[in-house]
Amino acid sequence: MKSIDWARNETLVFVVIVAFCALAAISDPNFLSIPTLTDLMRNSIVLGIFAVGAMVVLVSGGIDVSFTAVAAFAMYATTVLLRDLAPDLPWPLAFAIATMIGAVLGSINGVLIAFCGLPTLIVTLGTLSVFRGSLLTFVGTLQISNLPPGMRDFSRWMMVRGTNSDGSFYSLPWAFAALVIIVAATWFILNRTMLGRAIYAIGGAPESARRIGINVRRTQFFIYVFVGALAGLAGIIHASMARISNPFDLVGLELSVIAAVVLGGARLTGGVGTLTGTLLGVALIVLVRNSLIVIGIPSTWQSVAIGVLIIVGTGLPAWQAKRAEARET
């Protein structure tokens, strides 16, 4: 039987989640209930999809901060398109359109990074502003509350629905299945295909990856198209579940997403990252964002808490690496 590796980020994050839940349960006995659990799962859908994409980018040695702008653009543009041209379009086609818009926007990042050799952070900071500015200038700035029927129909589909013993209502939308499918598909790509090995290889050592025959440019281009597609899908899911399409939504979520991925063990230097750790990081961030008030901490401390988690999540692996280096010497 293997002993528990307390140095792994996944283990530490899991312990923090358990401790946080215990503290919240002491403050509010109803915290560990089915309605609370389904609320947390619902709130993790969009953040989780974003985090899967962000993890793939970090593993490859890059960083992407434009995915929320891609999501907002795809979400709002698809809603406007359906409202004005095809209001009766079924939701699978609407979701496909949003995913394709996201992939096209992601390909812009891919071309600039993979084929022009520009730094990932600078490119995605620039496209973040370009995509957001283009959305607000050319597409629209008004909230759309009367969503097309297909999107409204999707929002009503529930995997689980019921009433707790105390009369409280709970439900979990089928959108959660999208997160499960995306995680499964990404796990397969990363762990069972040559493409996945190439992603890890170029994150660990790009030059070495080139020498062994990996097409670094093609792999990087795929990564940003993939992340864009996930962002587009996350955006349309967000609008459907919220039952409103707001071009100002999702902005600023980058910090929470990157925090979740880093807390899960992905390194900013690339080559390291797991979906298990990423999902644990998402769970912790969702707990922090939605449950601070339960344990008596004002919600205004949310950003402070997430910032502290980022510092701890990045600082702890660096400290461990220095200790290991010192022991070797």
Protein backbone atom coordinates (compact mmCIF):
# COMPACT_ATOMS: atom_id res chain seq x y z
CA MET A 1 0.00 0.00 0.00
CA LYS A 2 1.40 3.37 -1.02
CA SER A 3 1.86 6.01 1.65
CA ILE A 4 0.25 9.40 1.23
CA ASP A 5 2.53 11.94 -0.43
CA TRP A 6 1.95 15.07 1.63
CA ALA A 7 4.21 17.09 -0.65
CA ARG A 8 1.81 16.78 -3.60
CA ASN A 9 -0.43 19.78 -4.28
CA GLU A 10 -3.41 17.49 -4.84
CA THR A 11 -3.09 16.04 -1.32
CA LEU A 12 -2.71 19.44 0.31
CA VAL A 13 -5.66 20.91 -1.58
CA PHE A 14 -7.83 17.92 -0.64
CA VAL A 15 -6.94 18.39 3.03
CA VAL A 16 -7.77 22.10 2.83
CA ILE A 17 -11.13 21.30 1.19
CA VAL A 18 -12.00 18.84 3.98
CA ALA A 19 -10.95 21.35 6.64
CA PHE A 20 -12.92 24.13 4.97
CA CYS A 21 -16.05 21.95 4.75
CA ALA A 22 -15.69 20.94 8.39
CA LEU A 23 -15.39 24.58 9.47
CA ALA A 24 -18.39 25.58 7.35
CA ALA A 25 -20.43 22.66 8.72
CA ILE A 26 -19.67 23.76 12.28
CA SER A 27 -20.80 27.29 11.44
CA ASP A 28 -23.89 26.09 9.57
CA PRO A 29 -25.12 22.47 10.04
CA ASN A 30 -27.06 22.75 6.76
CA PHE A 31 -23.84 23.25 4.81
CA LEU A 32 -23.34 19.52 4.26
CA SER A 33 -26.68 19.03 2.54
CA ILE A 34 -27.79 18.01 -0.93
CA PRO A 35 -28.90 21.56 -1.90
CA THR A 36 -25.49 22.96 -0.95
CA LEU A 37 -23.68 20.18 -2.81
CA THR A 38 -25.71 20.68 -5.99
CA ASP A 39 -25.19 24.45 -5.77
CA LEU A 40 -21.43 23.94 -5.54
CA MET A 41 -21.49 21.50 -8.47
CA ARG A 42 -23.56 23.92 -10.56
CA ASN A 43 -21.17 26.78 -9.78
CA SER A 44 -18.19 24.66 -10.80
CA ILE A 45 -19.39 23.97 -14.36
CA VAL A 46 -18.16 27.08 -16.17
CA LEU A 47 -15.13 27.55 -13.90
CA GLY A 48 -14.23 23.89 -14.41
CA ILE A 49 -14.40 24.08 -18.21
CA PHE A 50 -12.23 27.19 -18.16
CA ALA A 51 -9.77 25.50 -15.80
CA VAL A 52 -9.38 22.44 -18.03
CA GLY A 53 -8.38 24.70 -20.93
CA ALA A 54 -6.08 26.82 -18.77
CA MET A 55 -4.37 23.68 -17.45
CA VAL A 56 -3.59 22.47 -20.97
CA VAL A 57 -2.01 25.85 -21.77
CA LEU A 58 0.07 25.87 -18.56
CA VAL A 59 1.24 22.29 -19.16
CA SER A 60 2.49 23.40 -22.58
CA GLY A 61 4.56 26.15 -20.98
CA GLY A 62 2.26 29.02 -21.99
CA ILE A 63 -0.38 31.14 -20.33
CA ASP A 64 -3.72 32.38 -21.63
CA VAL A 65 -5.68 35.22 -20.03
CA SER A 66 -7.98 35.87 -22.99
CA PHE A 67 -10.35 32.91 -22.56
CA THR A 68 -13.00 34.92 -20.68
CA ALA A 69 -13.09 37.48 -23.50
CA VAL A 70 -13.40 34.62 -26.01
CA ALA A 71 -16.24 33.13 -23.95
CA ALA A 72 -18.11 36.44 -23.66
CA PHE A 73 -17.71 37.13 -27.40
CA ALA A 74 -18.88 33.66 -28.44
CA MET A 75 -21.77 33.69 -25.96
CA TYR A 76 -23.13 37.11 -26.91
CA ALA A 77 -22.48 36.85 -30.65
CA THR A 78 -24.26 33.48 -30.80
CA THR A 79 -27.23 34.85 -28.85
CA VAL A 80 -27.54 37.85 -31.17
CA LEU A 81 -27.17 35.63 -34.24
CA LEU A 82 -29.91 33.29 -33.06
CA ARG A 83 -32.21 36.11 -31.99
CA ASP A 84 -31.94 37.96 -35.30
CA LEU A 85 -31.53 35.17 -37.86
CA ALA A 86 -32.47 31.75 -36.48
CA PRO A 87 -34.54 31.98 -33.29
CA ASP A 88 -35.83 28.39 -33.62
CA LEU A 89 -32.39 26.79 -33.98
CA PRO A 90 -32.07 23.82 -31.56
CA TRP A 91 -29.60 24.17 -28.72
CA PRO A 92 -27.02 21.63 -30.02
CA LEU A 93 -26.50 23.74 -33.14
CA ALA A 94 -26.40 26.93 -31.06
CA PHE A 95 -23.74 25.38 -28.85
CA ALA A 96 -21.81 24.24 -31.93
CA ILE A 97 -21.84 27.80 -33.31
CA ALA A 98 -20.52 29.23 -30.02
CA THR A 99 -17.82 26.55 -29.91
CA MET A 100 -16.78 27.32 -33.48
CA ILE A 101 -16.63 31.07 -32.77
CA GLY A 102 -14.45 30.33 -29.75
CA ALA A 103 -12.19 28.09 -31.84
CA VAL A 104 -11.77 30.81 -34.49
CA LEU A 105 -10.83 33.39 -31.87
CA GLY A 106 -8.48 30.88 -30.25
CA SER A 107 -6.84 30.29 -33.62
CA ILE A 108 -5.85 33.98 -33.68
CA ASN A 109 -3.90 33.39 -30.47
CA GLY A 110 -2.51 30.20 -32.01
CA VAL A 111 -1.21 31.93 -35.14
CA LEU A 112 0.43 34.75 -33.21
CA ILE A 113 2.04 32.41 -30.68
CA ALA A 114 2.88 29.31 -32.73
CA PHE A 115 3.78 30.82 -36.10
CA CYS A 116 4.86 34.36 -35.18
CA GLY A 117 6.73 33.31 -32.03
CA LEU A 118 5.25 36.01 -29.80
CA PRO A 119 5.17 35.61 -25.99
CA THR A 120 1.99 33.93 -24.78
CA LEU A 121 1.20 36.39 -21.98
CA ILE A 122 1.65 39.45 -24.19
CA VAL A 123 -0.43 37.98 -27.01
CA THR A 124 -3.34 36.91 -24.82
CA LEU A 125 -3.33 40.20 -22.92
CA GLY A 126 -3.57 41.96 -26.26
CA THR A 127 -6.29 39.73 -27.67
CA LEU A 128 -8.20 40.01 -24.39
CA SER A 129 -8.59 43.74 -25.06
CA VAL A 130 -9.16 43.27 -28.80
CA PHE A 131 -11.90 40.68 -28.36
CA ARG A 132 -13.66 42.61 -25.61
CA GLY A 133 -13.43 45.89 -27.46
CA SER A 134 -14.70 44.31 -30.68
CA LEU A 135 -17.62 42.71 -28.84
CA LEU A 136 -18.74 45.96 -27.22
CA THR A 137 -18.10 48.07 -30.34
CA PHE A 138 -19.48 45.90 -33.13
CA VAL A 139 -21.85 43.37 -31.54
CA GLY A 140 -23.60 45.06 -28.65
CA THR A 141 -23.62 46.17 -25.05
CA LEU A 142 -27.20 45.46 -23.96
CA GLN A 143 -28.26 42.48 -21.89
CA ILE A 144 -30.49 39.99 -23.70
CA SER A 145 -32.97 38.49 -21.26
CA ASN A 146 -35.30 36.98 -23.86
CA LEU A 147 -33.06 34.12 -24.94
CA PRO A 148 -33.84 32.01 -28.01
CA PRO A 149 -36.11 29.02 -27.20
CA GLY A 150 -33.35 26.46 -27.69
CA MET A 151 -31.15 28.03 -25.01
CA ARG A 152 -34.11 28.34 -22.65
CA ASP A 153 -34.99 24.70 -23.21
CA PHE A 154 -31.45 23.62 -22.34
CA SER A 155 -31.57 25.58 -19.08
CA ARG A 156 -34.62 23.57 -17.97
CA TRP A 157 -33.01 20.15 -18.41
CA MET A 158 -32.05 18.75 -15.01
CA MET A 159 -30.05 15.64 -14.15
CA VAL A 160 -31.28 15.75 -10.55
CA ARG A 161 -34.25 17.58 -9.12
CA GLY A 162 -35.96 17.26 -5.76
CA THR A 163 -36.88 18.66 -2.39
CA ASN A 164 -34.88 18.16 0.80
CA SER A 165 -36.42 17.03 4.10
CA ASP A 166 -36.49 20.64 5.31
CA GLY A 167 -38.41 21.75 2.22
CA SER A 168 -35.44 23.29 0.39
CA PHE A 169 -35.34 22.70 -3.37
CA TYR A 170 -32.27 21.36 -5.17
CA SER A 171 -31.38 20.65 -8.80
CA LEU A 172 -28.38 19.90 -10.98
CA PRO A 173 -28.54 20.84 -14.68
CA TRP A 174 -27.44 18.58 -17.51
CA ALA A 175 -24.77 21.18 -18.23
CA PHE A 176 -22.74 19.38 -15.56
CA ALA A 177 -22.49 16.44 -17.98
CA ALA A 178 -20.64 18.76 -20.38
CA LEU A 179 -17.93 19.28 -17.76
CA VAL A 180 -17.65 15.52 -17.20
CA ILE A 181 -17.36 14.84 -20.96
CA ILE A 182 -14.76 17.59 -21.42
CA VAL A 183 -12.67 16.27 -18.53
CA ALA A 184 -12.85 12.73 -19.90
CA ALA A 185 -11.94 13.81 -23.44
CA THR A 186 -9.06 15.98 -22.23
CA TRP A 187 -7.75 13.17 -20.02
CA PHE A 188 -7.77 10.86 -23.06
CA ILE A 189 -5.90 13.42 -25.18
CA LEU A 190 -3.27 14.09 -22.54
CA ASN A 191 -2.72 10.52 -21.39
CA ARG A 192 -3.52 8.25 -24.34
CA THR A 193 -2.37 10.10 -27.45
CA MET A 194 0.89 11.29 -28.97
CA LEU A 195 -0.59 14.77 -29.03
CA GLY A 196 -0.86 14.71 -25.25
CA ARG A 197 2.74 13.58 -24.91
CA ALA A 198 3.76 16.39 -27.25
CA ILE A 199 1.93 18.95 -25.07
CA TYR A 200 3.81 17.82 -21.97
CA ALA A 201 7.08 17.62 -23.90
CA ILE A 202 7.01 21.15 -25.25
CA GLY A 203 6.09 22.41 -21.77
CA GLY A 204 9.09 20.69 -20.23
CA ALA A 205 11.67 21.53 -22.89
CA PRO A 206 10.56 22.98 -26.26
CA GLU A 207 13.97 22.64 -27.90
CA SER A 208 14.30 19.01 -26.85
CA ALA A 209 10.79 18.37 -28.17
CA ARG A 210 11.82 19.75 -31.57
CA ARG A 211 14.91 17.54 -31.65
CA ILE A 212 12.88 14.36 -31.15
CA GLY A 213 10.60 15.28 -34.05
CA ILE A 214 7.61 16.94 -32.33
CA ASN A 215 5.94 19.62 -34.45
CA VAL A 216 5.92 22.32 -31.79
CA ARG A 217 4.11 24.92 -33.90
CA ARG A 218 1.27 22.59 -34.84
CA THR A 219 0.89 21.45 -31.23
CA GLN A 220 0.79 25.02 -29.91
CA PHE A 221 -1.74 26.01 -32.55
CA PHE A 222 -3.98 23.09 -31.54
CA ILE A 223 -3.74 24.08 -27.87
CA TYR A 224 -5.06 27.61 -28.39
CA VAL A 225 -7.79 26.48 -30.79
CA PHE A 226 -8.81 23.85 -28.21
CA VAL A 227 -8.87 26.38 -25.39
CA GLY A 228 -10.88 28.81 -27.54
CA ALA A 229 -13.43 26.11 -28.34
CA LEU A 230 -13.80 25.24 -24.64
CA ALA A 231 -14.20 28.93 -23.81
CA GLY A 232 -16.92 29.35 -26.43
CA LEU A 233 -18.79 26.34 -25.07
CA ALA A 234 -18.41 27.57 -21.49
CA GLY A 235 -19.77 30.96 -22.48
CA ILE A 236 -22.95 29.65 -24.10
CA ILE A 237 -23.51 27.27 -21.17
CA HIS A 238 -23.15 30.21 -18.79
CA ALA A 239 -25.72 32.27 -20.67
CA SER A 240 -28.15 29.36 -20.90
CA MET A 241 -27.95 28.56 -17.19
CA ALA A 242 -28.19 32.23 -16.18
CA ARG A 243 -31.04 32.71 -18.71
CA ILE A 244 -29.52 36.01 -19.73
CA SER A 245 -26.76 36.97 -22.16
CA ASN A 246 -24.70 39.82 -20.75
CA PRO A 247 -21.61 40.98 -22.69
CA PHE A 248 -20.06 42.15 -19.41
CA ASP A 249 -20.29 38.72 -17.76
CA LEU A 250 -17.29 36.46 -17.09
CA VAL A 251 -14.81 39.36 -17.13
CA GLY A 252 -12.32 39.08 -14.27
CA LEU A 253 -12.77 35.34 -13.82
CA GLU A 254 -9.24 34.72 -15.11
CA LEU A 255 -7.73 35.10 -11.63
CA SER A 256 -9.95 32.44 -10.09
CA VAL A 257 -9.35 30.02 -12.98
CA ILE A 258 -5.57 30.36 -12.93
CA ALA A 259 -5.64 30.09 -9.13
CA ALA A 260 -7.55 26.80 -9.38
CA VAL A 261 -5.09 25.34 -11.90
CA VAL A 262 -2.00 26.46 -10.00
CA LEU A 263 -3.39 25.19 -6.71
CA GLY A 264 -3.96 21.84 -8.42
CA GLY A 265 -0.24 21.50 -9.06
CA ALA A 266 0.26 22.91 -12.56
CA ARG A 267 3.48 24.90 -12.80
CA LEU A 268 3.83 28.19 -14.60
CA THR A 269 7.08 26.89 -16.08
CA GLY A 270 5.19 24.13 -17.91
CA GLY A 271 5.47 20.37 -18.18
CA VAL A 272 3.50 19.60 -15.00
CA GLY A 273 -0.23 19.43 -14.36
CA THR A 274 -3.05 16.95 -13.78
CA LEU A 275 -6.80 17.05 -14.27
CA THR A 276 -7.31 15.61 -10.78
CA GLY A 277 -5.40 18.48 -9.24
CA THR A 278 -7.19 21.00 -11.46
CA LEU A 279 -10.64 19.75 -10.41
CA LEU A 280 -9.60 19.83 -6.74
CA GLY A 281 -8.41 23.41 -7.27
CA VAL A 282 -11.75 24.29 -8.86
CA ALA A 283 -13.58 22.74 -5.91
CA LEU A 284 -11.55 24.81 -3.46
CA ILE A 285 -12.05 28.06 -5.38
CA VAL A 286 -15.80 27.43 -5.65
CA LEU A 287 -15.94 26.76 -1.90
CA VAL A 288 -14.06 30.00 -1.20
CA ARG A 289 -16.16 32.06 -3.60
CA ASN A 290 -19.51 30.74 -2.38
CA SER A 291 -19.08 29.86 1.26
CA LEU A 292 -17.06 32.58 2.99
CA ILE A 293 -20.23 34.16 4.29
CA VAL A 294 -21.27 30.83 5.86
CA ILE A 295 -18.26 30.85 8.18
CA GLY A 296 -18.76 34.51 9.05
CA ILE A 297 -16.20 36.11 6.70
CA PRO A 298 -17.44 39.08 4.61
CA SER A 299 -17.64 38.36 0.88
CA THR A 300 -15.41 41.39 0.23
CA TRP A 301 -12.52 39.20 1.44
CA GLN A 302 -13.03 36.84 -1.50
CA SER A 303 -10.31 38.40 -3.67
CA VAL A 304 -7.92 38.48 -0.71
CA ALA A 305 -8.51 34.78 -0.03
CA ILE A 306 -8.00 33.82 -3.69
CA GLY A 307 -4.84 35.93 -3.87
CA VAL A 308 -3.45 34.21 -0.79
CA LEU A 309 -4.27 30.82 -2.30
CA ILE A 310 -2.38 31.75 -5.49
CA ILE A 311 0.69 32.81 -3.49
CA VAL A 312 0.60 29.63 -1.42
CA GLY A 313 -0.09 27.44 -4.44
CA THR A 314 2.86 28.83 -6.41
CA GLY A 315 5.17 29.43 -3.45
CA LEU A 316 4.92 25.97 -1.91
CA PRO A 317 6.13 24.04 -4.99
CA ALA A 318 8.97 26.54 -5.46
CA TRP A 319 10.01 26.13 -1.82
CA GLN A 320 9.85 22.33 -2.13
CA ALA A 321 11.94 22.43 -5.30
CA LYS A 322 14.60 24.55 -3.58
CA ARG A 323 14.72 22.15 -0.64
CA ALA A 324 15.11 19.18 -2.98
CA GLU A 325 17.85 21.02 -4.87
CA ALA A 326 19.66 21.84 -1.64
CA ARG A 327 19.51 18.20 -0.51
CA GLU A 328 21.01 17.03 -3.80
CA THR A 329 23.92 19.42 -3.46
